[in-house]
């Protein structure tokens, strides 16, 4: 079985990788009580460029507030940047798995 790296659990926007990477999966959990948008970009420094993933986490009872995304090894040529948009005080705990 192939192994991969993990960003660890993050609760704010951050650079995941500053070099070419293969995006394996994203695990997300809503930590607040308001909808929160989480995006992953093909960018080494900021939330710009090609958007690889966008997830809007919604609190229960509309959803479980937990999502796992299998990204099938999408190539991010420039790196990986995680953007967590907390809106009205909500938030998310996210881990990104990549090679």
PDB file of N, CA and C in Angstrom:
ATOM      1  N   UNK A   1       0.841  -1.177   0.000  1.00  0.00           N
ATOM      2  CA  UNK A   1       0.000   0.000   0.000  1.00  0.00           C
ATOM      3  C   UNK A   1       0.888   1.242   0.000  1.00  0.00           C
ATOM      4  N   UNK A   2       0.576   2.180  -0.862  1.00  0.00           N
ATOM      5  CA  UNK A   2       1.338   3.426  -0.951  1.00  0.00           C
ATOM      6  C   UNK A   2       1.046   4.308   0.261  1.00  0.00           C
ATOM      7  N   UNK A   3       2.050   5.011   0.722  1.00  0.00           N
ATOM      8  CA  UNK A   3       1.865   5.910   1.850  1.00  0.00           C
ATOM      9  C   UNK A   3       1.759   7.344   1.346  1.00  0.00           C
ATOM     10  N   UNK A   4       1.363   8.238   2.250  1.00  0.00           N
ATOM     11  CA  UNK A   4       1.274   9.649   1.881  1.00  0.00           C
ATOM     12  C   UNK A   4       1.542  10.507   3.105  1.00  0.00           C
ATOM     13  N   UNK A   5       1.740  11.791   2.862  1.00  0.00           N
ATOM     14  CA  UNK A   5       1.958  12.771   3.926  1.00  0.00           C
ATOM     15  C   UNK A   5       0.612  13.323   4.387  1.00  0.00           C
ATOM     16  N   UNK A   6       0.603  13.897   5.583  1.00  0.00           N
ATOM     17  CA  UNK A   6      -0.592  14.544   6.103  1.00  0.00           C
ATOM     18  C   UNK A   6      -0.241  15.942   6.604  1.00  0.00           C
ATOM     19  N   UNK A   7      -1.150  16.862   6.403  1.00  0.00           N
ATOM     20  CA  UNK A   7      -0.973  18.214   6.931  1.00  0.00           C
ATOM     21  C   UNK A   7      -1.151  18.234   8.439  1.00  0.00           C
ATOM     22  N   UNK A   8      -1.751  17.170   8.989  1.00  0.00           N
ATOM     23  CA  UNK A   8      -2.199  17.211  10.371  1.00  0.00           C
ATOM     24  C   UNK A   8      -3.507  17.994  10.403  1.00  0.00           C
ATOM     25  N   UNK A   9      -4.153  18.051  11.529  1.00  0.00           N
ATOM     26  CA  UNK A   9      -5.428  18.761  11.627  1.00  0.00           C
ATOM     27  C   UNK A   9      -5.170  20.260  11.736  1.00  0.00           C
ATOM     28  N   UNK A  10      -5.760  20.999  10.807  1.00  0.00           N
ATOM     29  CA  UNK A  10      -5.609  22.459  10.756  1.00  0.00           C
ATOM     30  C   UNK A  10      -6.961  23.132  10.973  1.00  0.00           C
ATOM     31  N   UNK A  11      -6.957  24.277  11.650  1.00  0.00           N
ATOM     32  CA  UNK A  11      -8.194  25.010  11.894  1.00  0.00           C
ATOM     33  C   UNK A  11      -8.176  26.411  11.293  1.00  0.00           C
ATOM     34  N   UNK A  12      -7.141  26.707  10.513  1.00  0.00           N
ATOM     35  CA  UNK A  12      -7.077  27.995   9.813  1.00  0.00           C
ATOM     36  C   UNK A  12      -6.357  27.801   8.486  1.00  0.00           C
ATOM     37  N   UNK A  13      -6.480  28.776   7.606  1.00  0.00           N
ATOM     38  CA  UNK A  13      -5.861  28.712   6.280  1.00  0.00           C
ATOM     39  C   UNK A  13      -4.354  28.544   6.413  1.00  0.00           C
ATOM     40  N   UNK A  14      -3.772  27.749   5.480  1.00  0.00           N
ATOM     41  CA  UNK A  14      -2.339  27.479   5.579  1.00  0.00           C
ATOM     42  C   UNK A  14      -1.790  26.892   4.288  1.00  0.00           C
ATOM     43  N   UNK A  15      -0.472  27.054   4.098  1.00  0.00           N
ATOM     44  CA  UNK A  15       0.240  26.366   3.025  1.00  0.00           C
ATOM     45  C   UNK A  15       0.374  24.902   3.451  1.00  0.00           C
ATOM     46  N   UNK A  16      -0.039  23.989   2.573  1.00  0.00           N
ATOM     47  CA  UNK A  16       0.103  22.555   2.842  1.00  0.00           C
ATOM     48  C   UNK A  16       1.404  22.049   2.245  1.00  0.00           C
ATOM     49  N   UNK A  17       1.682  22.455   0.996  1.00  0.00           N
ATOM     50  CA  UNK A  17       2.905  22.056   0.310  1.00  0.00           C
ATOM     51  C   UNK A  17       3.334  23.185  -0.611  1.00  0.00           C
ATOM     52  N   UNK A  18       4.631  23.440  -0.665  1.00  0.00           N
ATOM     53  CA  UNK A  18       5.129  24.514  -1.535  1.00  0.00           C
ATOM     54  C   UNK A  18       5.743  23.960  -2.817  1.00  0.00           C
ATOM     55  N   UNK A  19       5.491  22.681  -3.107  1.00  0.00           N
ATOM     56  CA  UNK A  19       6.013  22.083  -4.336  1.00  0.00           C
ATOM     57  C   UNK A  19       4.943  21.193  -4.975  1.00  0.00           C
ATOM     58  N   UNK A  20       5.225  20.729  -6.188  1.00  0.00           N
ATOM     59  CA  UNK A  20       4.307  19.858  -6.916  1.00  0.00           C
ATOM     60  C   UNK A  20       3.876  18.712  -6.007  1.00  0.00           C
ATOM     61  N   UNK A  21       2.567  18.434  -5.979  1.00  0.00           N
ATOM     62  CA  UNK A  21       2.032  17.427  -5.061  1.00  0.00           C
ATOM     63  C   UNK A  21       0.887  16.658  -5.704  1.00  0.00           C
ATOM     64  N   UNK A  22       0.670  15.451  -5.185  1.00  0.00           N
ATOM     65  CA  UNK A  22      -0.480  14.647  -5.600  1.00  0.00           C
ATOM     66  C   UNK A  22      -1.474  14.665  -4.440  1.00  0.00           C
ATOM     67  N   UNK A  23      -2.654  15.225  -4.675  1.00  0.00           N
ATOM     68  CA  UNK A  23      -3.684  15.351  -3.647  1.00  0.00           C
ATOM     69  C   UNK A  23      -4.435  14.029  -3.520  1.00  0.00           C
ATOM     70  N   UNK A  24      -4.334  13.394  -2.355  1.00  0.00           N
ATOM     71  CA  UNK A  24      -4.908  12.069  -2.138  1.00  0.00           C
ATOM     72  C   UNK A  24      -6.310  12.166  -1.520  1.00  0.00           C
ATOM     73  N   UNK A  25      -6.449  12.887  -0.404  1.00  0.00           N
ATOM     74  CA  UNK A  25      -7.761  13.008   0.241  1.00  0.00           C
ATOM     75  C   UNK A  25      -7.811  14.231   1.139  1.00  0.00           C
ATOM     76  N   UNK A  26      -9.039  14.610   1.478  1.00  0.00           N
ATOM     77  CA  UNK A  26      -9.290  15.730   2.381  1.00  0.00           C
ATOM     78  C   UNK A  26     -10.334  15.266   3.387  1.00  0.00           C
ATOM     79  N   UNK A  27     -10.072  15.479   4.674  1.00  0.00           N
ATOM     80  CA  UNK A  27     -11.010  15.136   5.733  1.00  0.00           C
ATOM     81  C   UNK A  27     -11.427  16.431   6.421  1.00  0.00           C
ATOM     82  N   UNK A  28     -12.738  16.650   6.539  1.00  0.00           N
ATOM     83  CA  UNK A  28     -13.251  17.915   7.059  1.00  0.00           C
ATOM     84  C   UNK A  28     -14.291  17.679   8.146  1.00  0.00           C
ATOM     85  N   UNK A  29     -14.254  18.507   9.183  1.00  0.00           N
ATOM     86  CA  UNK A  29     -15.268  18.468  10.231  1.00  0.00           C
ATOM     87  C   UNK A  29     -15.627  19.884  10.630  1.00  0.00           C
ATOM     88  N   UNK A  30     -16.907  20.186  10.633  1.00  0.00           N
ATOM     89  CA  UNK A  30     -17.395  21.488  11.070  1.00  0.00           C
ATOM     90  C   UNK A  30     -17.189  21.597  12.579  1.00  0.00           C
ATOM     91  N   UNK A  31     -16.617  22.714  13.035  1.00  0.00           N
ATOM     92  CA  UNK A  31     -16.381  22.902  14.467  1.00  0.00           C
ATOM     93  C   UNK A  31     -17.232  24.022  15.053  1.00  0.00           C
ATOM     94  N   UNK A  32     -17.939  24.745  14.203  1.00  0.00           N
ATOM     95  CA  UNK A  32     -18.797  25.826  14.666  1.00  0.00           C
ATOM     96  C   UNK A  32     -20.254  25.518  14.394  1.00  0.00           C
ATOM     97  N   UNK A  33     -21.107  26.522  14.501  1.00  0.00           N
ATOM     98  CA  UNK A  33     -22.544  26.321  14.327  1.00  0.00           C
ATOM     99  C   UNK A  33     -23.091  27.003  13.079  1.00  0.00           C
ATOM    100  N   UNK A  34     -22.212  27.574  12.259  1.00  0.00           N
ATOM    101  CA  UNK A  34     -22.618  28.235  11.018  1.00  0.00           C
ATOM    102  C   UNK A  34     -21.907  27.584   9.843  1.00  0.00           C
ATOM    103  N   UNK A  35     -22.496  27.660   8.639  1.00  0.00           N
ATOM    104  CA  UNK A  35     -21.832  27.093   7.461  1.00  0.00           C
ATOM    105  C   UNK A  35     -20.419  27.661   7.282  1.00  0.00           C
ATOM    106  N   UNK A  36     -19.493  26.799   6.866  1.00  0.00           N
ATOM    107  CA  UNK A  36     -18.096  27.168   6.651  1.00  0.00           C
ATOM    108  C   UNK A  36     -17.642  26.603   5.310  1.00  0.00           C
ATOM    109  N   UNK A  37     -16.972  27.425   4.524  1.00  0.00           N
ATOM    110  CA  UNK A  37     -16.464  26.996   3.220  1.00  0.00           C
ATOM    111  C   UNK A  37     -14.988  26.666   3.329  1.00  0.00           C
ATOM    112  N   UNK A  38     -14.621  25.498   2.785  1.00  0.00           N
ATOM    113  CA  UNK A  38     -13.229  25.055   2.769  1.00  0.00           C
ATOM    114  C   UNK A  38     -12.827  24.818   1.316  1.00  0.00           C
ATOM    115  N   UNK A  39     -11.719  25.441   0.902  1.00  0.00           N
ATOM    116  CA  UNK A  39     -11.226  25.294  -0.464  1.00  0.00           C
ATOM    117  C   UNK A  39      -9.765  24.864  -0.436  1.00  0.00           C
ATOM    118  N   UNK A  40      -9.369  24.097  -1.451  1.00  0.00           N
ATOM    119  CA  UNK A  40      -7.963  23.747  -1.639  1.00  0.00           C
ATOM    120  C   UNK A  40      -7.559  24.236  -3.023  1.00  0.00           C
ATOM    121  N   UNK A  41      -6.432  24.958  -3.080  1.00  0.00           N
ATOM    122  CA  UNK A  41      -5.947  25.556  -4.326  1.00  0.00           C
ATOM    123  C   UNK A  41      -4.621  24.950  -4.760  1.00  0.00           C
ATOM    124  N   UNK A  42      -4.403  24.939  -6.076  1.00  0.00           N
ATOM    125  CA  UNK A  42      -3.107  24.587  -6.662  1.00  0.00           C
ATOM    126  C   UNK A  42      -2.263  25.856  -6.618  1.00  0.00           C
ATOM    127  N   UNK A  43      -1.709  26.152  -5.438  1.00  0.00           N
ATOM    128  CA  UNK A  43      -0.924  27.363  -5.224  1.00  0.00           C
ATOM    129  C   UNK A  43      -0.054  27.146  -3.988  1.00  0.00           C
ATOM    130  N   UNK A  44       1.162  27.608  -4.020  1.00  0.00           N
ATOM    131  CA  UNK A  44       2.093  27.401  -2.913  1.00  0.00           C
ATOM    132  C   UNK A  44       2.029  28.483  -1.840  1.00  0.00           C
ATOM    133  N   UNK A  45       1.315  29.591  -2.101  1.00  0.00           N
ATOM    134  CA  UNK A  45       1.377  30.698  -1.155  1.00  0.00           C
ATOM    135  C   UNK A  45       0.050  31.341  -0.777  1.00  0.00           C
ATOM    136  N   UNK A  46      -1.011  31.163  -1.580  1.00  0.00           N
ATOM    137  CA  UNK A  46      -2.250  31.885  -1.282  1.00  0.00           C
ATOM    138  C   UNK A  46      -3.475  31.211  -1.893  1.00  0.00           C
ATOM    139  N   UNK A  47      -4.640  31.718  -1.538  1.00  0.00           N
ATOM    140  CA  UNK A  47      -5.918  31.188  -2.021  1.00  0.00           C
ATOM    141  C   UNK A  47      -6.280  31.802  -3.367  1.00  0.00           C
ATOM    142  N   UNK A  48      -5.427  31.579  -4.360  1.00  0.00           N
ATOM    143  CA  UNK A  48      -5.669  32.059  -5.722  1.00  0.00           C
ATOM    144  C   UNK A  48      -5.248  30.960  -6.690  1.00  0.00           C
ATOM    145  N   UNK A  49      -5.576  31.156  -7.945  1.00  0.00           N
ATOM    146  CA  UNK A  49      -5.209  30.176  -8.953  1.00  0.00           C
ATOM    147  C   UNK A  49      -6.271  29.113  -9.103  1.00  0.00           C
ATOM    148  N   UNK A  50      -5.857  27.921  -9.516  1.00  0.00           N
ATOM    149  CA  UNK A  50      -6.792  26.833  -9.784  1.00  0.00           C
ATOM    150  C   UNK A  50      -7.344  26.270  -8.476  1.00  0.00           C
ATOM    151  N   UNK A  51      -8.671  26.306  -8.365  1.00  0.00           N
ATOM    152  CA  UNK A  51      -9.348  25.748  -7.201  1.00  0.00           C
ATOM    153  C   UNK A  51      -9.558  24.247  -7.454  1.00  0.00           C
ATOM    154  N   UNK A  52      -9.002  23.416  -6.585  1.00  0.00           N
ATOM    155  CA  UNK A  52      -9.094  21.966  -6.757  1.00  0.00           C
ATOM    156  C   UNK A  52     -10.293  21.363  -6.035  1.00  0.00           C
ATOM    157  N   UNK A  53     -10.722  22.003  -4.972  1.00  0.00           N
ATOM    158  CA  UNK A  53     -11.838  21.473  -4.184  1.00  0.00           C
ATOM    159  C   UNK A  53     -12.539  22.608  -3.458  1.00  0.00           C
ATOM    160  N   UNK A  54     -13.874  22.486  -3.358  1.00  0.00           N
ATOM    161  CA  UNK A  54     -14.671  23.435  -2.566  1.00  0.00           C
ATOM    162  C   UNK A  54     -15.741  22.636  -1.838  1.00  0.00           C
ATOM    163  N   UNK A  55     -15.781  22.777  -0.530  1.00  0.00           N
ATOM    164  CA  UNK A  55     -16.780  22.083   0.287  1.00  0.00           C
ATOM    165  C   UNK A  55     -17.411  23.097   1.221  1.00  0.00           C
ATOM    166  N   UNK A  56     -18.736  23.105   1.262  1.00  0.00           N
ATOM    167  CA  UNK A  56     -19.456  23.960   2.205  1.00  0.00           C
ATOM    168  C   UNK A  56     -20.002  23.049   3.297  1.00  0.00           C
ATOM    169  N   UNK A  57     -19.448  23.198   4.490  1.00  0.00           N
ATOM    170  CA  UNK A  57     -19.875  22.392   5.634  1.00  0.00           C
ATOM    171  C   UNK A  57     -21.067  23.063   6.298  1.00  0.00           C
ATOM    172  N   UNK A  58     -22.127  22.285   6.522  1.00  0.00           N
ATOM    173  CA  UNK A  58     -23.366  22.792   7.087  1.00  0.00           C
ATOM    174  C   UNK A  58     -23.645  22.028   8.383  1.00  0.00           C
ATOM    175  N   UNK A  59     -24.095  22.740   9.436  1.00  0.00           N
ATOM    176  CA  UNK A  59     -24.332  22.058  10.716  1.00  0.00           C
ATOM    177  C   UNK A  59     -25.547  21.134  10.678  1.00  0.00           C
ATOM    178  N   UNK A  60     -25.591  20.165  11.601  1.00  0.00           N
ATOM    179  CA  UNK A  60     -26.770  19.304  11.726  1.00  0.00           C
ATOM    180  C   UNK A  60     -27.995  20.157  12.040  1.00  0.00           C
ATOM    181  N   UNK A  61     -29.196  19.752  11.674  1.00  0.00           N
ATOM    182  CA  UNK A  61     -29.563  18.453  11.120  1.00  0.00           C
ATOM    183  C   UNK A  61     -29.463  18.369   9.589  1.00  0.00           C
ATOM    184  N   UNK A  62     -29.062  19.443   8.913  1.00  0.00           N
ATOM    185  CA  UNK A  62     -28.980  19.409   7.454  1.00  0.00           C
ATOM    186  C   UNK A  62     -27.900  18.450   6.959  1.00  0.00           C
ATOM    187  N   UNK A  63     -26.848  18.257   7.745  1.00  0.00           N
ATOM    188  CA  UNK A  63     -25.778  17.318   7.394  1.00  0.00           C
ATOM    189  C   UNK A  63     -25.101  16.859   8.683  1.00  0.00           C
ATOM    190  N   UNK A  64     -24.203  15.896   8.547  1.00  0.00           N
ATOM    191  CA  UNK A  64     -23.483  15.409   9.731  1.00  0.00           C
ATOM    192  C   UNK A  64     -22.368  16.368  10.145  1.00  0.00           C
ATOM    193  N   UNK A  65     -21.976  17.275   9.232  1.00  0.00           N
ATOM    194  CA  UNK A  65     -20.875  18.191   9.523  1.00  0.00           C
ATOM    195  C   UNK A  65     -19.511  17.566   9.343  1.00  0.00           C
ATOM    196  N   UNK A  66     -19.473  16.315   8.840  1.00  0.00           N
ATOM    197  CA  UNK A  66     -18.217  15.603   8.610  1.00  0.00           C
ATOM    198  C   UNK A  66     -18.201  15.107   7.168  1.00  0.00           C
ATOM    199  N   UNK A  67     -17.070  15.345   6.463  1.00  0.00           N
ATOM    200  CA  UNK A  67     -16.956  14.949   5.056  1.00  0.00           C
ATOM    201  C   UNK A  67     -15.572  14.369   4.808  1.00  0.00           C
ATOM    202  N   UNK A  68     -15.504  13.323   4.001  1.00  0.00           N
ATOM    203  CA  UNK A  68     -14.229  12.781   3.542  1.00  0.00           C
ATOM    204  C   UNK A  68     -14.255  12.795   2.021  1.00  0.00           C
ATOM    205  N   UNK A  69     -13.250  13.418   1.413  1.00  0.00           N
ATOM    206  CA  UNK A  69     -13.159  13.516  -0.040  1.00  0.00           C
ATOM    207  C   UNK A  69     -11.984  12.700  -0.549  1.00  0.00           C
ATOM    208  N   UNK A  70     -12.236  11.755  -1.444  1.00  0.00           N
ATOM    209  CA  UNK A  70     -11.175  11.008  -2.109  1.00  0.00           C
ATOM    210  C   UNK A  70     -10.830  11.780  -3.372  1.00  0.00           C
ATOM    211  N   UNK A  71      -9.620  12.323  -3.455  1.00  0.00           N
ATOM    212  CA  UNK A  71      -9.253  13.199  -4.564  1.00  0.00           C
ATOM    213  C   UNK A  71      -8.547  12.463  -5.707  1.00  0.00           C
ATOM    214  N   UNK A  72      -8.398  11.151  -5.593  1.00  0.00           N
ATOM    215  CA  UNK A  72      -7.900  10.302  -6.696  1.00  0.00           C
ATOM    216  C   UNK A  72      -6.553  10.725  -7.257  1.00  0.00           C
ATOM    217  N   UNK A  73      -5.709  11.343  -6.439  1.00  0.00           N
ATOM    218  CA  UNK A  73      -4.366  11.683  -6.895  1.00  0.00           C
ATOM    219  C   UNK A  73      -4.287  12.854  -7.850  1.00  0.00           C
ATOM    220  N   UNK A  74      -5.167  13.838  -7.684  1.00  0.00           N
ATOM    221  CA  UNK A  74      -5.113  15.053  -8.512  1.00  0.00           C
ATOM    222  C   UNK A  74      -3.741  15.708  -8.361  1.00  0.00           C
ATOM    223  N   UNK A  75      -3.125  16.091  -9.461  1.00  0.00           N
ATOM    224  CA  UNK A  75      -1.810  16.738  -9.428  1.00  0.00           C
ATOM    225  C   UNK A  75      -1.970  18.243  -9.225  1.00  0.00           C
ATOM    226  N   UNK A  76      -1.294  18.756  -8.228  1.00  0.00           N
ATOM    227  CA  UNK A  76      -1.214  20.197  -7.989  1.00  0.00           C
ATOM    228  C   UNK A  76       0.196  20.620  -8.405  1.00  0.00           C
ATOM    229  N   UNK A  77       0.308  21.243  -9.551  1.00  0.00           N
ATOM    230  CA  UNK A  77       1.617  21.575 -10.127  1.00  0.00           C
ATOM    231  C   UNK A  77       2.410  22.581  -9.314  1.00  0.00           C
ATOM    232  N   UNK A  78       1.716  23.489  -8.611  1.00  0.00           N
ATOM    233  CA  UNK A  78       2.386  24.594  -7.919  1.00  0.00           C
ATOM    234  C   UNK A  78       2.482  24.439  -6.407  1.00  0.00           C
ATOM    235  N   UNK A  79       1.789  23.466  -5.846  1.00  0.00           N
ATOM    236  CA  UNK A  79       1.721  23.294  -4.400  1.00  0.00           C
ATOM    237  C   UNK A  79       0.278  23.208  -3.960  1.00  0.00           C
ATOM    238  N   UNK A  80       0.055  23.166  -2.652  1.00  0.00           N
ATOM    239  CA  UNK A  80      -1.300  23.065  -2.097  1.00  0.00           C
ATOM    240  C   UNK A  80      -1.508  24.123  -1.019  1.00  0.00           C
ATOM    241  N   UNK A  81      -2.616  24.864  -1.153  1.00  0.00           N
ATOM    242  CA  UNK A  81      -2.971  25.876  -0.162  1.00  0.00           C
ATOM    243  C   UNK A  81      -4.384  25.602   0.328  1.00  0.00           C
ATOM    244  N   UNK A  82      -4.574  25.562   1.652  1.00  0.00           N
ATOM    245  CA  UNK A  82      -5.873  25.348   2.278  1.00  0.00           C
ATOM    246  C   UNK A  82      -6.466  26.681   2.689  1.00  0.00           C
ATOM    247  N   UNK A  83      -7.720  26.929   2.286  1.00  0.00           N
ATOM    248  CA  UNK A  83      -8.426  28.155   2.643  1.00  0.00           C
ATOM    249  C   UNK A  83      -9.682  27.791   3.419  1.00  0.00           C
ATOM    250  N   UNK A  84      -9.767  28.219   4.682  1.00  0.00           N
ATOM    251  CA  UNK A  84     -10.954  27.996   5.508  1.00  0.00           C
ATOM    252  C   UNK A  84     -11.612  29.351   5.720  1.00  0.00           C
ATOM    253  N   UNK A  85     -12.818  29.518   5.165  1.00  0.00           N
ATOM    254  CA  UNK A  85     -13.568  30.774   5.282  1.00  0.00           C
ATOM    255  C   UNK A  85     -14.606  30.609   6.370  1.00  0.00           C
ATOM    256  N   UNK A  86     -14.356  31.209   7.516  1.00  0.00           N
ATOM    257  CA  UNK A  86     -15.188  30.957   8.679  1.00  0.00           C
ATOM    258  C   UNK A  86     -16.465  31.775   8.745  1.00  0.00           C
ATOM    259  N   UNK A  87     -16.606  32.787   7.916  1.00  0.00           N
ATOM    260  CA  UNK A  87     -17.856  33.549   7.908  1.00  0.00           C
ATOM    261  C   UNK A  87     -18.176  34.133   9.267  1.00  0.00           C
ATOM    262  N   UNK A  88     -19.324  33.761   9.814  1.00  0.00           N
ATOM    263  CA  UNK A  88     -19.820  34.346  11.062  1.00  0.00           C
ATOM    264  C   UNK A  88     -19.350  33.639  12.314  1.00  0.00           C
ATOM    265  N   UNK A  89     -18.076  33.358  12.446  1.00  0.00           N
ATOM    266  CA  UNK A  89     -17.561  32.774  13.660  1.00  0.00           C
ATOM    267  C   UNK A  89     -17.566  31.258  13.697  1.00  0.00           C
ATOM    268  N   UNK A  90     -17.951  30.619  12.594  1.00  0.00           N
ATOM    269  CA  UNK A  90     -17.917  29.159  12.529  1.00  0.00           C
ATOM    270  C   UNK A  90     -16.487  28.730  12.237  1.00  0.00           C
ATOM    271  N   UNK A  91     -16.274  27.466  12.013  1.00  0.00           N
ATOM    272  CA  UNK A  91     -14.936  27.016  11.693  1.00  0.00           C
ATOM    273  C   UNK A  91     -14.934  25.559  11.277  1.00  0.00           C
ATOM    274  N   UNK A  92     -13.740  25.073  10.944  1.00  0.00           N
ATOM    275  CA  UNK A  92     -13.592  23.690  10.516  1.00  0.00           C
ATOM    276  C   UNK A  92     -12.230  23.165  10.947  1.00  0.00           C
ATOM    277  N   UNK A  93     -12.174  21.856  11.151  1.00  0.00           N
ATOM    278  CA  UNK A  93     -10.926  21.147  11.382  1.00  0.00           C
ATOM    279  C   UNK A  93     -10.708  20.299  10.126  1.00  0.00           C
ATOM    280  N   UNK A  94      -9.545  20.473   9.481  1.00  0.00           N
ATOM    281  CA  UNK A  94      -9.305  19.848   8.177  1.00  0.00           C
ATOM    282  C   UNK A  94      -7.931  19.199   8.161  1.00  0.00           C
ATOM    283  N   UNK A  95      -7.852  18.009   7.568  1.00  0.00           N
ATOM    284  CA  UNK A  95      -6.547  17.424   7.282  1.00  0.00           C
ATOM    285  C   UNK A  95      -6.490  17.099   5.799  1.00  0.00           C
ATOM    286  N   UNK A  96      -5.316  17.328   5.208  1.00  0.00           N
ATOM    287  CA  UNK A  96      -5.103  17.109   3.789  1.00  0.00           C
ATOM    288  C   UNK A  96      -4.011  16.051   3.655  1.00  0.00           C
ATOM    289  N   UNK A  97      -4.302  14.987   2.903  1.00  0.00           N
ATOM    290  CA  UNK A  97      -3.333  13.926   2.668  1.00  0.00           C
ATOM    291  C   UNK A  97      -2.846  14.054   1.229  1.00  0.00           C
ATOM    292  N   UNK A  98      -1.504  13.948   1.042  1.00  0.00           N
ATOM    293  CA  UNK A  98      -0.904  14.215  -0.261  1.00  0.00           C
ATOM    294  C   UNK A  98       0.446  13.527  -0.367  1.00  0.00           C
ATOM    295  N   UNK A  99       0.973  13.479  -1.563  1.00  0.00           N
ATOM    296  CA  UNK A  99       2.329  13.001  -1.824  1.00  0.00           C
ATOM    297  C   UNK A  99       3.091  14.105  -2.511  1.00  0.00           C
TER     298      UNK A  99
END
